[in-house]
Amino acid sequence: MNFVSLSLYNSVKHNNTFLADVTSRCWPTWHHTKRRIGGDWTASSDYEGDRYDLDDMFLNGLMREVRLTYGGLYLWGGFIGAMTYVRDGVMWTRTLADRANAVKSIYTRIGDNMLSNGGAESGAWTVLNGATVTQSTTWVSQGNYSCSIVVADTTVRGAIIETITVAAETLYLARVSLHVISGSWRVAINRTDNDQPLAKGSTRGAVGDIVITMQIEASSLYAGTANFQITSEGAAGTVYGDAAVVQAGPARAETDWKTDTVSISEYGRLERVLLKAGMSNAAANAEAQTVLADSAWPRSVPPDQFTIGKFDTPDRLSLSLFGYIFTLKFRYSTIVGTSAMSTHIAAVTAQQSDYLSAGAIEENLTDYQIDDRAPFTLWTVMTQIARAGDASGNRWSLGVDAKRHVNYGLTSTEVAYHLRRGLLYNVSSSEYEPYLVEPGWAQLDDVPTGPESLTTNANDVARRIYLEECEFIAPDGLKFKRTADYGN
């Protein structure tokens, strides 16, 4: 055990220079996990030292690197992503998990009402072909007034609610609230150049309260002015109209990235996409800017509930570390479409150039499609590809090595370990040092024997299991998991 050491390095953004040997500070409480998909996954330990040392680490330690080595052999490496510090009995936390220095919003943009007098509040609507058109308080659905339209004969007459300007290939939604006393009424948006309808609806002789809704389809090629109007349908009658609306239909929209360049230079680019429902352009941009201002820099925060007083609790600093594969969660993929899995792995890796570069990426020609309907983090894309394996049903592994290279390749089917009487042995029957264990195939020597598998697939051998996750707990503890929750 004398050859095991833990070394502290500056962050990658600060040249990744060696700072100190921290074995004595961290080893007694150290534990780490490794996964088939992810490689060096997580680690944690307490950090021992005087108050000056603890304060310095707590305030400056985020993104510093810790490496575990054995006789110079690299075993685990990652960055400090969160810390919990009990100081004078009060617990404080610092984390990068909720931080973002590049923020944008993807939202549903709904246009404002294009009508300035859709409720006849500023005056009666425009007379069309001699109808009697007046402001009215007899029936009102919104505000203080409606518009009364009276036609006394069978000539088509009515009112123009308002003239609007529409663009080609744009969806528009329109509605108007009516109270029909008598007659039948046509509601339409007609082109002003030839009076042809772009959208239309009818009360079909019904009386009482009616809301007419209609839309100009996005397939319309007309660009120009149009009259939103109500006219009689060949019969005398009276109708009240109110609360008319015409607006551009819902459409996906995106703000630009709001960024804090100083924070990016310190921690790399930490992206966050806000997914929002109906918003105006101004509101979406404002919210993105507000979120950026609140999350660009780490903050020292107490728990949601805490007590102020005198305590004799000793100071204690706990570190949470993450393998560099976690930096794929910092950014969103701009790679979309269908390509070979290994091609996608290389392209996605290149998008996290702050921390990672491509290493040994084996060819996997199985097609994989990256959907473009929603934003996906680089990690989501990577893990889904790795979990998919290949067209032959083989496992594939994904991880980051000591030089922060992303490696992707076919998982070996060879037995790496023997589990016998509660102990782990290598293939040479020597007991395995627990801190050297990595994911791989293990043969369960104590399992009762039975009929052998009739296939050549390693998954079908009853005495073999794949160790998907290995957890080392200093000084000699070891746990395994056959499955792992990779989330997003």
Protein backbone atom coordinates (compact mmCIF):
# COMPACT_ATOMS: atom_id res chain seq x y z
CA MET A 1 0.00 0.00 0.00
CA ASN A 2 3.04 2.23 0.34
CA PHE A 3 3.08 2.72 -3.42
CA VAL A 4 -0.44 4.19 -3.57
CA SER A 5 -0.45 7.99 -3.81
CA LEU A 6 -2.92 10.81 -4.39
CA SER A 7 -1.64 13.91 -6.16
CA LEU A 8 -3.32 17.32 -6.44
CA TYR A 9 -2.98 19.36 -9.63
CA ASN A 10 -4.16 22.76 -10.71
CA SER A 11 -7.18 22.88 -12.97
CA VAL A 12 -6.80 22.27 -16.69
CA LYS A 13 -7.59 25.95 -17.26
CA HIS A 14 -4.63 26.83 -15.02
CA ASN A 15 -2.07 24.69 -16.82
CA ASN A 16 -2.76 21.51 -14.82
CA THR A 17 0.47 21.95 -12.83
CA PHE A 18 1.35 19.76 -9.84
CA LEU A 19 0.44 21.30 -6.47
CA ALA A 20 0.95 18.73 -3.72
CA ASP A 21 0.97 15.12 -2.62
CA VAL A 22 -2.32 14.79 -0.71
CA THR A 23 -2.20 11.08 0.13
CA SER A 24 -2.07 11.66 3.87
CA ARG A 25 -4.87 14.23 3.64
CA CYS A 26 -7.30 12.09 1.59
CA TRP A 27 -6.39 8.39 1.59
CA PRO A 28 -8.05 7.25 4.85
CA THR A 29 -11.52 8.23 3.54
CA TRP A 30 -10.94 7.83 -0.20
CA HIS A 31 -13.24 5.82 -2.42
CA HIS A 32 -13.80 5.83 -6.19
CA THR A 33 -15.91 4.13 -8.85
CA LYS A 34 -15.15 3.04 -12.39
CA ARG A 35 -17.69 2.12 -15.08
CA ARG A 36 -17.67 0.45 -18.46
CA ILE A 37 -19.37 3.50 -19.91
CA GLY A 38 -17.61 6.45 -18.35
CA GLY A 39 -14.37 4.89 -17.14
CA ASP A 40 -13.20 6.93 -14.12
CA TRP A 41 -16.63 7.86 -12.76
CA THR A 42 -16.84 9.41 -9.29
CA ALA A 43 -14.71 9.66 -6.15
CA SER A 44 -14.95 11.25 -2.73
CA SER A 45 -12.88 11.83 0.37
CA ASP A 46 -12.42 14.14 3.30
CA TYR A 47 -9.59 16.65 3.05
CA GLU A 48 -7.50 17.02 6.19
CA GLY A 49 -5.58 20.17 7.15
CA ASP A 50 -5.60 23.29 9.26
CA ARG A 51 -8.19 26.01 8.75
CA TYR A 52 -5.99 27.91 6.31
CA ASP A 53 -5.64 24.80 4.13
CA LEU A 54 -9.35 24.03 4.28
CA ASP A 55 -10.35 27.61 3.47
CA ASP A 56 -7.98 27.70 0.50
CA MET A 57 -9.27 24.42 -0.93
CA PHE A 58 -12.90 25.36 -0.38
CA LEU A 59 -12.57 28.76 -2.04
CA ASN A 60 -10.17 27.82 -4.85
CA GLY A 61 -10.42 24.07 -5.31
CA LEU A 62 -13.23 23.67 -7.84
CA MET A 63 -11.91 22.01 -11.03
CA ARG A 64 -8.57 21.14 -9.42
CA GLU A 65 -7.52 17.64 -10.38
CA VAL A 66 -6.76 14.62 -8.17
CA ARG A 67 -4.92 11.57 -9.53
CA LEU A 68 -4.60 8.18 -7.85
CA THR A 69 -1.49 6.23 -8.85
CA TYR A 70 0.12 2.98 -7.78
CA GLY A 71 3.88 2.82 -8.25
CA GLY A 72 3.50 5.38 -11.04
CA LEU A 73 0.61 3.47 -12.68
CA TYR A 74 -2.42 5.71 -13.25
CA LEU A 75 -5.51 4.28 -11.54
CA TRP A 76 -8.10 7.08 -11.36
CA GLY A 77 -8.26 10.77 -12.15
CA GLY A 78 -10.83 13.52 -12.11
CA PHE A 79 -11.73 17.01 -11.00
CA ILE A 80 -13.21 18.43 -7.82
CA GLY A 81 -16.78 19.31 -8.75
CA ALA A 82 -18.36 19.95 -5.36
CA MET A 83 -17.34 20.49 -1.74
CA THR A 84 -19.05 20.52 1.63
CA TYR A 85 -17.36 22.48 4.40
CA VAL A 86 -18.42 22.43 8.05
CA ARG A 87 -16.84 25.54 9.59
CA ASP A 88 -17.69 26.71 13.11
CA GLY A 89 -20.64 24.34 13.08
CA VAL A 90 -22.21 25.79 9.91
CA MET A 91 -22.24 23.73 6.73
CA TRP A 92 -21.36 25.46 3.44
CA THR A 93 -21.38 24.00 -0.06
CA ARG A 94 -19.79 24.94 -3.36
CA THR A 95 -20.59 23.11 -6.58
CA LEU A 96 -20.39 23.42 -10.34
CA ALA A 97 -23.45 21.21 -10.82
CA ASP A 98 -25.88 24.14 -10.92
CA ARG A 99 -23.55 26.65 -12.58
CA ALA A 100 -23.77 27.92 -16.16
CA ASN A 101 -21.73 30.58 -17.95
CA ALA A 102 -23.43 30.14 -21.33
CA VAL A 103 -27.24 30.29 -21.30
CA LYS A 104 -29.83 30.29 -24.05
CA SER A 105 -33.58 29.77 -24.23
CA ILE A 106 -35.57 27.59 -26.61
CA TYR A 107 -39.17 28.66 -26.40
CA THR A 108 -42.49 28.79 -28.17
CA ARG A 109 -42.93 32.23 -29.62
CA ILE A 110 -46.55 33.41 -29.84
CA GLY A 111 -47.12 36.67 -31.63
CA ASP A 112 -48.83 39.68 -30.09
CA ASN A 113 -52.35 40.61 -31.15
CA MET A 114 -51.99 42.39 -34.49
CA LEU A 115 -55.28 44.25 -33.91
CA SER A 116 -55.20 47.60 -32.16
CA ASN A 117 -59.02 47.77 -31.72
CA GLY A 118 -60.15 44.15 -31.62
CA GLY A 119 -62.61 44.90 -28.83
CA ALA A 120 -64.07 48.13 -30.30
CA GLU A 121 -62.76 49.96 -27.23
CA SER A 122 -61.49 52.97 -29.20
CA GLY A 123 -64.48 53.14 -31.53
CA ALA A 124 -66.81 51.18 -33.76
CA TRP A 125 -65.33 49.00 -36.49
CA THR A 126 -65.28 50.20 -40.09
CA VAL A 127 -68.59 50.06 -41.98
CA LEU A 128 -68.61 47.64 -44.93
CA ASN A 129 -71.18 48.15 -47.68
CA GLY A 130 -73.68 50.21 -45.69
CA ALA A 131 -74.33 48.17 -42.54
CA THR A 132 -75.15 49.96 -39.31
CA VAL A 133 -72.03 49.66 -37.16
CA THR A 134 -71.82 51.19 -33.65
CA GLN A 135 -70.08 50.81 -30.33
CA SER A 136 -72.30 49.00 -27.83
CA THR A 137 -72.54 48.09 -24.17
CA THR A 138 -75.58 45.84 -24.65
CA TRP A 139 -73.40 42.71 -24.79
CA VAL A 140 -69.70 42.74 -23.85
CA SER A 141 -67.28 39.83 -23.47
CA GLN A 142 -64.15 41.87 -22.76
CA GLY A 143 -63.47 45.45 -21.71
CA ASN A 144 -66.21 48.07 -21.78
CA TYR A 145 -67.56 47.86 -25.32
CA SER A 146 -68.42 45.54 -28.16
CA CYS A 147 -69.35 46.38 -31.74
CA SER A 148 -72.94 46.11 -32.93
CA ILE A 149 -73.54 45.20 -36.60
CA VAL A 150 -77.07 45.48 -38.01
CA VAL A 151 -78.09 44.53 -41.55
CA ALA A 152 -81.70 45.28 -42.51
CA ASP A 153 -81.95 43.48 -45.86
CA THR A 154 -80.57 40.54 -47.84
CA THR A 155 -77.57 42.44 -49.27
CA VAL A 156 -74.20 41.31 -48.01
CA ARG A 157 -73.07 43.98 -45.57
CA GLY A 158 -71.02 44.09 -42.37
CA ALA A 159 -67.90 45.57 -40.80
CA ILE A 160 -64.12 45.42 -41.22
CA ILE A 161 -62.61 44.79 -37.81
CA GLU A 162 -59.19 45.87 -39.03
CA THR A 163 -56.81 45.65 -41.98
CA ILE A 164 -53.67 43.64 -41.23
CA THR A 165 -50.45 42.82 -43.05
CA VAL A 166 -49.53 39.15 -43.37
CA ALA A 167 -46.36 37.41 -44.49
CA ALA A 168 -46.12 34.41 -46.79
CA GLU A 169 -45.60 30.91 -45.39
CA THR A 170 -46.54 32.01 -41.87
CA LEU A 171 -49.21 30.51 -39.65
CA TYR A 172 -51.72 33.02 -38.25
CA LEU A 173 -54.41 32.27 -35.68
CA ALA A 174 -57.58 34.37 -35.53
CA ARG A 175 -60.66 34.42 -33.34
CA VAL A 176 -63.58 36.68 -32.49
CA SER A 177 -66.35 36.40 -29.87
CA LEU A 178 -69.88 36.88 -31.25
CA HIS A 179 -73.33 37.20 -29.77
CA VAL A 180 -75.80 36.49 -32.56
CA ILE A 181 -79.32 37.90 -32.17
CA SER A 182 -80.50 36.93 -35.65
CA GLY A 183 -79.29 36.11 -39.13
CA SER A 184 -76.27 34.14 -40.31
CA TRP A 185 -72.78 35.64 -40.32
CA ARG A 186 -69.54 35.00 -42.15
CA VAL A 187 -66.19 35.80 -40.53
CA ALA A 188 -63.24 35.95 -42.91
CA ILE A 189 -59.77 37.30 -43.55
CA ASN A 190 -59.88 38.43 -47.17
CA ARG A 191 -57.05 39.61 -49.37
CA THR A 192 -57.43 43.32 -50.14
CA ASP A 193 -56.28 42.90 -53.76
CA ASN A 194 -58.95 40.43 -54.94
CA ASP A 195 -61.20 39.89 -51.88
CA GLN A 196 -60.41 36.16 -51.83
CA PRO A 197 -60.44 34.54 -48.38
CA LEU A 198 -57.26 33.43 -46.67
CA ALA A 199 -59.35 32.04 -43.80
CA LYS A 200 -63.06 31.88 -43.09
CA GLY A 201 -65.76 30.67 -40.73
CA SER A 202 -69.54 30.92 -40.30
CA THR A 203 -72.19 30.99 -37.58
CA ARG A 204 -74.35 28.80 -39.89
CA GLY A 205 -77.58 30.38 -38.67
CA ALA A 206 -76.94 29.65 -34.99
CA VAL A 207 -77.82 32.25 -32.38
CA GLY A 208 -76.37 33.06 -28.98
CA ASP A 209 -72.75 33.20 -27.90
CA ILE A 210 -70.31 31.83 -30.48
CA VAL A 211 -66.53 32.01 -30.79
CA ILE A 212 -65.28 31.75 -34.36
CA THR A 213 -61.71 30.49 -34.68
CA MET A 214 -59.77 30.12 -37.90
CA GLN A 215 -56.24 30.23 -39.24
CA ILE A 216 -54.22 31.26 -42.23
CA GLU A 217 -52.19 28.18 -43.05
CA ALA A 218 -48.43 28.28 -43.20
CA SER A 219 -48.72 26.99 -46.76
CA SER A 220 -50.23 30.32 -47.90
CA LEU A 221 -47.94 32.16 -50.33
CA TYR A 222 -49.76 35.48 -50.08
CA ALA A 223 -47.88 38.42 -48.62
CA GLY A 224 -49.69 41.74 -48.26
CA THR A 225 -52.72 43.32 -46.62
CA ALA A 226 -55.96 41.60 -45.68
CA ASN A 227 -59.28 42.61 -44.10
CA PHE A 228 -60.49 40.82 -40.99
CA GLN A 229 -64.24 41.24 -41.44
CA ILE A 230 -67.75 40.13 -40.47
CA THR A 231 -70.52 40.09 -43.08
CA SER A 232 -74.11 38.91 -43.35
CA GLU A 233 -74.85 35.77 -45.35
CA GLY A 234 -77.76 36.92 -47.50
CA ALA A 235 -80.18 37.63 -44.65
CA ALA A 236 -81.03 40.46 -42.32
CA GLY A 237 -79.75 40.20 -38.81
CA THR A 238 -78.00 41.63 -35.77
CA VAL A 239 -74.72 40.51 -34.23
CA TYR A 240 -72.36 41.82 -31.54
CA GLY A 241 -68.62 41.26 -31.89
CA ASP A 242 -65.84 41.57 -29.32
CA ALA A 243 -62.36 40.33 -28.32
CA ALA A 244 -61.04 39.86 -31.85
CA VAL A 245 -57.47 38.58 -32.10
CA VAL A 246 -55.06 37.85 -34.94
CA GLN A 247 -51.58 36.65 -34.03
CA ALA A 248 -48.72 34.73 -35.55
CA GLY A 249 -49.07 31.07 -34.64
CA PRO A 250 -46.83 29.24 -32.19
CA ALA A 251 -43.33 28.65 -33.55
CA ARG A 252 -40.10 27.35 -32.09
CA ALA A 253 -37.62 30.13 -31.42
CA GLU A 254 -34.20 30.40 -29.81
CA THR A 255 -32.26 33.19 -28.22
CA ASP A 256 -28.55 33.57 -28.83
CA TRP A 257 -26.08 32.36 -26.19
CA LYS A 258 -25.68 34.74 -23.27
CA THR A 259 -22.12 34.23 -22.01
CA ASP A 260 -19.73 35.26 -19.26
CA THR A 261 -16.34 35.13 -20.96
CA VAL A 262 -14.33 35.49 -17.74
CA SER A 263 -16.10 32.53 -16.14
CA ILE A 264 -15.58 30.49 -19.32
CA SER A 265 -11.85 31.20 -19.19
CA GLU A 266 -11.80 29.98 -15.58
CA TYR A 267 -13.98 26.85 -15.77
CA GLY A 268 -14.52 26.11 -19.43
CA ARG A 269 -17.87 26.51 -21.11
CA LEU A 270 -20.77 25.40 -18.87
CA GLU A 271 -23.92 25.46 -20.98
CA ARG A 272 -27.55 25.51 -19.95
CA VAL A 273 -30.56 25.50 -22.25
CA LEU A 274 -33.86 26.76 -20.85
CA LEU A 275 -36.87 24.99 -22.37
CA LYS A 276 -39.87 27.28 -22.10
CA ALA A 277 -43.47 27.45 -23.23
CA GLY A 278 -45.06 30.51 -24.84
CA MET A 279 -42.94 33.63 -24.37
CA SER A 280 -42.18 36.85 -26.17
CA ASN A 281 -38.75 37.40 -27.67
CA ALA A 282 -37.98 40.08 -25.11
CA ALA A 283 -39.00 37.93 -22.14
CA ALA A 284 -37.00 34.92 -23.36
CA ASN A 285 -33.85 37.00 -23.83
CA ALA A 286 -34.32 38.69 -20.47
CA GLU A 287 -34.73 35.40 -18.63
CA ALA A 288 -31.62 33.91 -20.24
CA GLN A 289 -29.61 36.96 -19.21
CA THR A 290 -30.98 36.80 -15.66
CA VAL A 291 -30.15 33.10 -15.28
CA LEU A 292 -26.63 33.78 -16.55
CA ALA A 293 -26.08 36.55 -14.02
CA ASP A 294 -27.20 34.25 -11.21
CA SER A 295 -25.24 31.13 -12.21
CA ALA A 296 -22.00 32.13 -13.98
CA TRP A 297 -19.86 31.85 -10.83
CA PRO A 298 -19.73 29.32 -7.97
CA ARG A 299 -21.26 30.51 -4.71
CA SER A 300 -20.76 29.41 -1.11
CA VAL A 301 -24.22 28.66 0.21
CA PRO A 302 -25.56 27.27 3.50
CA PRO A 303 -28.21 24.54 3.61
CA ASP A 304 -31.86 25.53 3.24
CA GLN A 305 -32.21 25.48 7.02
CA PHE A 306 -29.43 26.17 9.51
CA THR A 307 -28.93 27.50 13.02
CA ILE A 308 -26.62 30.27 14.10
CA GLY A 309 -24.89 29.75 17.45
CA LYS A 310 -21.73 28.62 19.20
CA PHE A 311 -20.59 25.14 18.30
CA ASP A 312 -17.62 22.98 19.17
CA THR A 313 -17.96 20.92 15.98
CA PRO A 314 -14.54 20.42 14.37
CA ASP A 315 -13.98 21.85 10.91
CA ARG A 316 -14.42 19.29 8.14
CA LEU A 317 -14.05 19.56 4.36
CA SER A 318 -15.48 16.83 2.09
CA LEU A 319 -14.62 16.58 -1.61
CA SER A 320 -16.77 15.19 -4.41
CA LEU A 321 -14.81 14.35 -7.54
CA PHE A 322 -15.86 13.42 -11.05
CA GLY A 323 -14.06 11.76 -13.91
CA TYR A 324 -13.43 13.97 -16.94
CA ILE A 325 -16.15 12.12 -18.83
CA PHE A 326 -18.52 14.34 -16.79
CA THR A 327 -17.34 17.41 -18.74
CA LEU A 328 -19.47 16.06 -21.59
CA LYS A 329 -22.44 17.15 -19.46
CA PHE A 330 -21.22 20.74 -19.61
CA ARG A 331 -22.14 21.26 -23.26
CA TYR A 332 -24.86 20.49 -25.80
CA SER A 333 -24.35 18.66 -29.06
CA THR A 334 -24.64 20.49 -32.35
CA ILE A 335 -24.08 17.22 -34.22
CA VAL A 336 -27.32 15.91 -35.72
CA GLY A 337 -28.35 13.38 -38.34
CA THR A 338 -27.32 9.81 -39.12
CA SER A 339 -23.75 8.56 -39.22
CA ALA A 340 -21.62 5.65 -38.04
CA MET A 341 -21.44 5.39 -34.26
CA SER A 342 -17.66 5.81 -34.14
CA THR A 343 -17.89 8.86 -36.41
CA HIS A 344 -20.38 10.46 -34.02
CA ILE A 345 -18.15 9.64 -31.02
CA ALA A 346 -15.20 11.45 -32.61
CA ALA A 347 -17.30 14.45 -33.69
CA VAL A 348 -18.99 14.84 -30.31
CA THR A 349 -15.65 14.57 -28.49
CA ALA A 350 -14.31 17.46 -30.56
CA GLN A 351 -17.07 19.67 -29.16
CA GLN A 352 -15.60 19.44 -25.63
CA SER A 353 -12.17 20.75 -26.54
CA ASP A 354 -11.89 22.55 -23.17
CA TYR A 355 -11.02 19.25 -21.51
CA LEU A 356 -11.07 16.29 -23.91
CA SER A 357 -9.61 15.06 -27.18
CA ALA A 358 -10.06 11.90 -29.22
CA GLY A 359 -7.96 8.89 -28.25
CA ALA A 360 -8.34 5.30 -29.46
CA ILE A 361 -11.72 5.23 -31.18
CA GLU A 362 -12.40 1.86 -32.79
CA GLU A 363 -14.50 1.73 -35.94
CA ASN A 364 -18.17 0.92 -35.36
CA LEU A 365 -20.09 1.29 -38.62
CA THR A 366 -23.52 0.80 -37.06
CA ASP A 367 -25.69 3.78 -38.02
CA TYR A 368 -26.92 6.07 -35.27
CA GLN A 369 -29.26 9.04 -35.64
CA ILE A 370 -28.94 12.08 -33.39
CA ASP A 371 -32.35 13.76 -33.21
CA ASP A 372 -32.49 17.53 -33.63
CA ARG A 373 -35.89 18.16 -32.08
CA ALA A 374 -34.51 18.80 -28.59
CA PRO A 375 -31.11 19.79 -27.21
CA PHE A 376 -29.01 16.88 -25.98
CA THR A 377 -25.87 17.15 -23.90
CA LEU A 378 -22.72 15.62 -25.33
CA TRP A 379 -22.94 13.05 -22.54
CA THR A 380 -26.48 12.01 -23.48
CA VAL A 381 -25.41 11.39 -27.07
CA MET A 382 -22.24 9.55 -26.05
CA THR A 383 -23.85 7.27 -23.49
CA GLN A 384 -26.76 6.36 -25.76
CA ILE A 385 -24.35 5.37 -28.52
CA ALA A 386 -22.19 3.35 -26.13
CA ARG A 387 -25.19 1.59 -24.58
CA ALA A 388 -26.52 0.68 -28.02
CA GLY A 389 -23.48 -1.51 -28.68
CA ASP A 390 -23.42 -2.62 -32.30
CA ALA A 391 -25.50 -4.51 -34.86
CA SER A 392 -24.11 -7.84 -33.61
CA GLY A 393 -25.20 -7.25 -30.02
CA ASN A 394 -21.71 -6.67 -28.64
CA ARG A 395 -20.88 -4.50 -25.63
CA TRP A 396 -18.78 -1.40 -26.24
CA SER A 397 -16.82 0.58 -23.66
CA LEU A 398 -16.26 4.31 -23.34
CA GLY A 399 -13.88 6.14 -21.04
CA VAL A 400 -11.22 8.82 -20.57
CA ASP A 401 -7.56 8.01 -19.92
CA ALA A 402 -4.81 9.80 -17.99
CA LYS A 403 -4.21 12.24 -20.85
CA ARG A 404 -7.93 13.08 -21.02
CA HIS A 405 -8.32 11.18 -24.29
CA VAL A 406 -11.73 9.69 -25.04
CA ASN A 407 -11.38 5.99 -25.84
CA TYR A 408 -14.17 3.93 -27.40
CA GLY A 409 -13.91 0.29 -28.30
CA LEU A 410 -15.34 -3.21 -28.31
CA THR A 411 -15.54 -4.66 -24.81
CA SER A 412 -13.38 -7.71 -24.30
CA THR A 413 -15.22 -11.00 -23.75
CA GLU A 414 -12.27 -12.58 -21.93
CA VAL A 415 -12.60 -13.46 -18.24
CA ALA A 416 -10.62 -10.94 -16.16
CA TYR A 417 -11.46 -12.18 -12.66
CA HIS A 418 -12.47 -15.21 -10.65
CA LEU A 419 -14.77 -14.73 -7.68
CA ARG A 420 -14.10 -17.55 -5.24
CA ARG A 421 -15.21 -17.89 -1.61
CA GLY A 422 -15.87 -14.15 -1.38
CA LEU A 423 -12.45 -13.15 -2.73
CA LEU A 424 -11.43 -11.81 -6.11
CA TYR A 425 -8.61 -13.47 -8.03
CA ASN A 426 -6.95 -12.76 -11.34
CA VAL A 427 -6.73 -15.38 -14.08
CA SER A 428 -3.44 -16.57 -12.56
CA SER A 429 -5.27 -17.30 -9.27
CA SER A 430 -3.49 -14.51 -7.39
CA GLU A 431 -5.65 -12.34 -5.12
CA TYR A 432 -6.41 -9.04 -6.79
CA GLU A 433 -5.48 -5.74 -5.20
CA PRO A 434 -8.87 -3.98 -4.86
CA TYR A 435 -7.68 -0.57 -6.07
CA LEU A 436 -6.58 -2.14 -9.37
CA VAL A 437 -10.01 -3.56 -10.26
CA GLU A 438 -11.82 -2.26 -13.35
CA PRO A 439 -15.07 -3.29 -15.06
CA GLY A 440 -14.82 -6.65 -16.80
CA TRP A 441 -15.98 -10.25 -16.94
CA ALA A 442 -15.83 -12.31 -13.76
CA GLN A 443 -16.29 -16.05 -13.42
CA LEU A 444 -18.24 -17.19 -10.37
CA ASP A 445 -16.30 -20.27 -9.38
CA ASP A 446 -18.63 -21.16 -6.49
CA VAL A 447 -21.80 -21.27 -8.57
CA PRO A 448 -23.21 -24.83 -8.79
CA THR A 449 -22.43 -26.30 -12.19
CA GLY A 450 -25.11 -27.35 -14.61
CA PRO A 451 -25.67 -27.75 -18.35
CA GLU A 452 -23.32 -25.53 -20.32
CA SER A 453 -24.58 -22.90 -22.74
CA LEU A 454 -25.18 -24.10 -26.28
CA THR A 455 -24.18 -20.70 -27.71
CA THR A 456 -20.85 -18.93 -28.06
CA ASN A 457 -22.20 -15.73 -26.53
CA ALA A 458 -20.43 -14.80 -23.30
CA ASN A 459 -23.71 -13.41 -21.99
CA ASP A 460 -25.18 -16.92 -21.99
CA VAL A 461 -22.54 -18.55 -19.79
CA ALA A 462 -24.24 -19.13 -16.43
CA ARG A 463 -21.05 -18.83 -14.36
CA ARG A 464 -20.01 -15.48 -15.87
CA ILE A 465 -21.20 -11.98 -15.03
CA TYR A 466 -20.07 -8.61 -16.25
CA LEU A 467 -18.99 -6.16 -13.54
CA GLU A 468 -20.47 -2.95 -14.93
CA GLU A 469 -19.31 -0.78 -12.03
CA CYS A 470 -16.49 -1.27 -9.52
CA GLU A 471 -16.27 0.75 -6.33
CA PHE A 472 -13.05 0.84 -4.32
CA ILE A 473 -13.24 1.89 -0.66
CA ALA A 474 -9.90 2.59 1.04
CA PRO A 475 -7.99 0.80 2.29
CA ASP A 476 -9.16 -2.53 0.83
CA GLY A 477 -12.95 -2.51 0.35
CA LEU A 478 -14.56 -3.41 -2.95
CA LYS A 479 -18.13 -3.38 -4.29
CA PHE A 480 -19.56 -4.37 -7.68
CA LYS A 481 -22.68 -3.58 -9.65
CA ARG A 482 -24.00 -5.60 -12.57
CA THR A 483 -26.01 -2.61 -13.83
CA ALA A 484 -25.50 1.14 -13.76
CA ASP A 485 -27.87 4.09 -14.04
CA TYR A 486 -26.31 6.46 -16.55
CA GLY A 487 -29.15 8.98 -16.64
CA ASN A 488 -28.59 11.94 -18.99
